[in-house]
């Protein structure tokens, strides 16, 4: 008999980009799964010598998926004294 503590779960609570809680079903394909499928499609298109329009469409898809999975970059500090070289 499964108890609430031992029952396997497929839904997990997470915070979205805005910090709001939401629930994700881990059985759903994630962004990396979608990107992997797009790369597999790219290889199949290249092997089949697909037309240029199909390769262009796939390249755009891959570019948009890659931008969605890259981590947000930290903003660089500009101006002011550099604490690594400040001698005062």
N, C-alpha and C. Protein backbone atom coordinates (compact mmCIF):
# COMPACT_ATOMS: atom_id res chain seq x y z
N UNK A 1 0.84 -1.18 0.00
CA UNK A 1 0.00 0.00 0.00
C UNK A 1 0.88 1.25 0.00
N UNK A 2 0.58 2.18 -0.88
CA UNK A 2 1.34 3.42 -0.95
C UNK A 2 0.83 4.41 0.08
N UNK A 3 1.75 5.00 0.77
CA UNK A 3 1.40 6.08 1.69
C UNK A 3 1.79 7.38 1.02
N UNK A 4 1.30 8.51 1.52
CA UNK A 4 1.68 9.79 0.91
C UNK A 4 3.18 10.04 0.88
N UNK A 5 3.92 9.42 1.80
CA UNK A 5 5.36 9.65 1.83
C UNK A 5 6.11 8.75 0.85
N UNK A 6 5.55 7.59 0.50
CA UNK A 6 6.27 6.67 -0.37
C UNK A 6 5.70 6.58 -1.78
N UNK A 7 4.54 7.16 -2.02
CA UNK A 7 3.92 7.07 -3.34
C UNK A 7 4.78 7.83 -4.36
N UNK A 8 5.15 7.17 -5.46
CA UNK A 8 5.95 7.89 -6.46
C UNK A 8 5.14 9.03 -7.06
N UNK A 9 5.77 10.14 -7.24
CA UNK A 9 5.08 11.31 -7.77
C UNK A 9 5.66 11.69 -9.12
N UNK A 10 4.81 12.21 -9.94
CA UNK A 10 5.24 12.70 -11.25
C UNK A 10 5.09 14.21 -11.35
N UNK A 11 4.48 14.81 -10.32
CA UNK A 11 4.27 16.25 -10.33
C UNK A 11 5.09 16.84 -9.18
N UNK A 12 5.89 17.84 -9.51
CA UNK A 12 6.74 18.44 -8.50
C UNK A 12 6.52 19.95 -8.48
N UNK A 13 6.54 20.57 -7.30
CA UNK A 13 6.41 22.02 -7.24
C UNK A 13 7.73 22.69 -7.59
N UNK A 14 7.66 23.76 -8.39
CA UNK A 14 8.84 24.55 -8.76
C UNK A 14 8.46 26.02 -8.77
N UNK A 15 9.46 26.88 -8.85
CA UNK A 15 9.23 28.31 -9.01
C UNK A 15 9.51 28.67 -10.46
N UNK A 16 8.64 29.47 -11.07
CA UNK A 16 8.89 29.89 -12.44
C UNK A 16 9.85 31.08 -12.45
N UNK A 17 10.10 31.65 -13.62
CA UNK A 17 11.08 32.73 -13.75
C UNK A 17 10.72 33.94 -12.90
N UNK A 18 9.44 34.18 -12.68
CA UNK A 18 9.01 35.33 -11.88
C UNK A 18 9.01 35.01 -10.38
N UNK A 19 9.31 33.77 -10.01
CA UNK A 19 9.35 33.38 -8.61
C UNK A 19 8.02 32.87 -8.09
N UNK A 20 7.03 32.73 -8.99
CA UNK A 20 5.72 32.23 -8.58
C UNK A 20 5.74 30.71 -8.56
N UNK A 21 5.12 30.10 -7.54
CA UNK A 21 5.09 28.63 -7.49
C UNK A 21 4.15 28.06 -8.56
N UNK A 22 4.54 26.94 -9.12
CA UNK A 22 3.69 26.22 -10.05
C UNK A 22 4.08 24.75 -9.97
N UNK A 23 3.29 23.88 -10.58
CA UNK A 23 3.55 22.45 -10.55
C UNK A 23 3.91 21.99 -11.95
N UNK A 24 4.94 21.15 -12.05
CA UNK A 24 5.41 20.63 -13.32
C UNK A 24 5.23 19.12 -13.33
N UNK A 25 4.69 18.61 -14.42
CA UNK A 25 4.58 17.17 -14.59
C UNK A 25 5.88 16.70 -15.25
N UNK A 26 6.67 15.90 -14.54
CA UNK A 26 7.98 15.51 -15.05
C UNK A 26 7.89 14.50 -16.19
N UNK A 27 6.71 14.00 -16.48
CA UNK A 27 6.54 13.12 -17.63
C UNK A 27 6.50 13.91 -18.93
N UNK A 28 6.18 15.21 -18.86
CA UNK A 28 6.15 16.05 -20.05
C UNK A 28 7.58 16.28 -20.54
N UNK A 29 7.77 16.35 -21.86
CA UNK A 29 9.12 16.62 -22.36
C UNK A 29 9.56 18.03 -21.97
N UNK A 30 10.78 18.14 -21.54
CA UNK A 30 11.32 19.43 -21.15
C UNK A 30 11.99 20.13 -22.32
N UNK A 31 12.52 21.32 -22.10
CA UNK A 31 13.16 22.06 -23.17
C UNK A 31 14.39 21.35 -23.75
N UNK A 32 15.13 20.64 -22.91
CA UNK A 32 16.30 19.92 -23.43
C UNK A 32 15.88 18.73 -24.29
N UNK A 33 14.76 18.09 -23.94
CA UNK A 33 14.25 17.00 -24.77
C UNK A 33 13.84 17.51 -26.15
N UNK A 34 13.18 18.66 -26.17
CA UNK A 34 12.76 19.27 -27.43
C UNK A 34 13.97 19.65 -28.27
N UNK A 35 15.00 20.18 -27.62
CA UNK A 35 16.22 20.55 -28.33
C UNK A 35 16.91 19.31 -28.89
N UNK A 36 16.95 18.25 -28.12
CA UNK A 36 17.55 17.00 -28.59
C UNK A 36 16.83 16.48 -29.83
N UNK A 37 15.51 16.56 -29.81
CA UNK A 37 14.73 16.12 -30.97
C UNK A 37 14.99 17.00 -32.20
N UNK A 38 15.18 18.29 -31.98
CA UNK A 38 15.47 19.20 -33.10
C UNK A 38 16.84 18.88 -33.70
N UNK A 39 17.83 18.55 -32.85
CA UNK A 39 19.15 18.16 -33.36
C UNK A 39 19.06 16.84 -34.13
N UNK A 40 18.26 15.89 -33.64
CA UNK A 40 18.09 14.63 -34.34
C UNK A 40 17.43 14.86 -35.70
N UNK A 41 16.46 15.77 -35.73
CA UNK A 41 15.83 16.10 -37.00
C UNK A 41 16.85 16.73 -37.95
N UNK A 42 17.72 17.58 -37.42
CA UNK A 42 18.75 18.22 -38.25
C UNK A 42 19.65 17.17 -38.89
N UNK A 43 20.09 16.19 -38.11
CA UNK A 43 20.93 15.13 -38.66
C UNK A 43 20.20 14.33 -39.74
N UNK A 44 18.92 14.06 -39.52
CA UNK A 44 18.13 13.34 -40.51
C UNK A 44 17.97 14.16 -41.79
N UNK A 45 17.76 15.45 -41.64
CA UNK A 45 17.64 16.33 -42.82
C UNK A 45 18.95 16.36 -43.61
N UNK A 46 20.06 16.44 -42.90
CA UNK A 46 21.36 16.46 -43.59
C UNK A 46 21.62 15.14 -44.30
N UNK A 47 21.30 14.04 -43.65
CA UNK A 47 21.51 12.72 -44.26
C UNK A 47 20.62 12.54 -45.50
N UNK A 48 19.43 13.12 -45.48
CA UNK A 48 18.50 12.98 -46.60
C UNK A 48 18.72 14.05 -47.67
N UNK A 49 19.73 14.90 -47.47
CA UNK A 49 19.99 16.01 -48.40
C UNK A 49 18.72 16.82 -48.64
N UNK A 50 18.13 17.25 -47.54
CA UNK A 50 16.87 17.98 -47.58
C UNK A 50 17.05 19.33 -48.26
N UNK A 51 15.96 19.91 -48.76
CA UNK A 51 16.05 21.23 -49.40
C UNK A 51 16.48 22.31 -48.41
N UNK A 52 17.01 23.38 -48.95
CA UNK A 52 17.53 24.48 -48.13
C UNK A 52 16.46 25.07 -47.21
N UNK A 53 15.21 25.11 -47.67
CA UNK A 53 14.13 25.69 -46.84
C UNK A 53 13.94 24.89 -45.55
N UNK A 54 14.02 23.56 -45.66
CA UNK A 54 13.86 22.72 -44.48
C UNK A 54 15.03 22.90 -43.51
N UNK A 55 16.23 23.00 -44.04
CA UNK A 55 17.41 23.21 -43.19
C UNK A 55 17.32 24.57 -42.50
N UNK A 56 16.85 25.58 -43.22
CA UNK A 56 16.72 26.91 -42.63
C UNK A 56 15.68 26.91 -41.53
N UNK A 57 14.55 26.25 -41.76
CA UNK A 57 13.50 26.16 -40.75
C UNK A 57 14.03 25.46 -39.50
N UNK A 58 14.77 24.37 -39.70
CA UNK A 58 15.31 23.63 -38.57
C UNK A 58 16.36 24.46 -37.83
N UNK A 59 17.17 25.21 -38.55
CA UNK A 59 18.18 26.06 -37.90
C UNK A 59 17.53 27.11 -37.03
N UNK A 60 16.45 27.71 -37.52
CA UNK A 60 15.73 28.71 -36.72
C UNK A 60 15.14 28.08 -35.47
N UNK A 61 14.58 26.88 -35.61
CA UNK A 61 14.02 26.18 -34.47
C UNK A 61 15.10 25.91 -33.42
N UNK A 62 16.24 25.39 -33.86
CA UNK A 62 17.33 25.09 -32.93
C UNK A 62 17.82 26.36 -32.25
N UNK A 63 17.96 27.44 -32.99
CA UNK A 63 18.43 28.70 -32.41
C UNK A 63 17.46 29.19 -31.34
N UNK A 64 16.16 29.11 -31.61
CA UNK A 64 15.18 29.58 -30.61
C UNK A 64 15.17 28.67 -29.38
N UNK A 65 15.31 27.36 -29.59
CA UNK A 65 15.33 26.43 -28.45
C UNK A 65 16.60 26.62 -27.62
N UNK A 66 17.73 26.85 -28.28
CA UNK A 66 18.98 27.07 -27.53
C UNK A 66 18.89 28.33 -26.69
N UNK A 67 18.30 29.39 -27.23
CA UNK A 67 18.19 30.62 -26.45
C UNK A 67 17.28 30.43 -25.24
N UNK A 68 16.34 29.49 -25.33
CA UNK A 68 15.46 29.23 -24.20
C UNK A 68 16.08 28.43 -23.08
N UNK A 69 17.14 27.67 -23.37
CA UNK A 69 17.74 26.84 -22.32
C UNK A 69 19.03 27.42 -21.77
N UNK A 70 19.55 28.47 -22.39
CA UNK A 70 20.77 29.08 -21.86
C UNK A 70 20.46 29.83 -20.57
N UNK A 71 21.34 29.77 -19.59
CA UNK A 71 21.09 30.49 -18.34
C UNK A 71 21.19 32.00 -18.57
N UNK A 72 20.46 32.74 -17.76
CA UNK A 72 20.54 34.21 -17.85
C UNK A 72 21.92 34.64 -17.40
N UNK A 73 22.48 35.55 -18.13
CA UNK A 73 23.83 36.03 -17.78
C UNK A 73 23.75 37.11 -16.71
N UNK A 74 24.74 37.11 -15.84
CA UNK A 74 24.80 38.12 -14.80
C UNK A 74 25.22 39.45 -15.42
N UNK A 75 24.62 40.52 -14.93
CA UNK A 75 24.99 41.84 -15.44
C UNK A 75 26.33 42.25 -14.85
N UNK A 76 27.16 42.82 -15.69
CA UNK A 76 28.46 43.28 -15.24
C UNK A 76 28.33 44.63 -14.56
N UNK A 77 29.15 44.83 -13.51
CA UNK A 77 29.18 46.13 -12.86
C UNK A 77 30.01 47.07 -13.70
N UNK A 78 29.54 48.26 -13.85
CA UNK A 78 30.28 49.28 -14.61
C UNK A 78 30.51 50.49 -13.71
N UNK A 79 31.65 51.10 -13.89
CA UNK A 79 31.93 52.34 -13.15
C UNK A 79 32.36 52.08 -11.73
N UNK A 80 32.88 53.10 -11.12
CA UNK A 80 33.29 53.00 -9.74
C UNK A 80 34.66 52.35 -9.62
N UNK A 81 35.11 52.24 -8.39
CA UNK A 81 36.43 51.66 -8.13
C UNK A 81 36.37 50.15 -8.19
N UNK A 82 37.44 49.56 -8.67
CA UNK A 82 37.54 48.11 -8.71
C UNK A 82 38.10 47.64 -7.37
N UNK A 83 37.35 46.87 -6.58
CA UNK A 83 37.82 46.48 -5.26
C UNK A 83 39.07 45.61 -5.33
N UNK A 84 39.35 44.99 -6.46
CA UNK A 84 40.55 44.15 -6.57
C UNK A 84 41.82 45.00 -6.68
N UNK A 85 41.68 46.24 -7.14
CA UNK A 85 42.87 47.07 -7.32
C UNK A 85 42.86 48.31 -6.42
N UNK A 86 41.88 48.41 -5.56
CA UNK A 86 41.78 49.59 -4.69
C UNK A 86 42.80 49.48 -3.56
N UNK A 87 43.64 50.48 -3.41
CA UNK A 87 44.70 50.43 -2.41
C UNK A 87 44.42 51.31 -1.20
N UNK A 88 43.32 52.03 -1.21
CA UNK A 88 43.07 53.00 -0.14
C UNK A 88 42.31 52.45 0.96
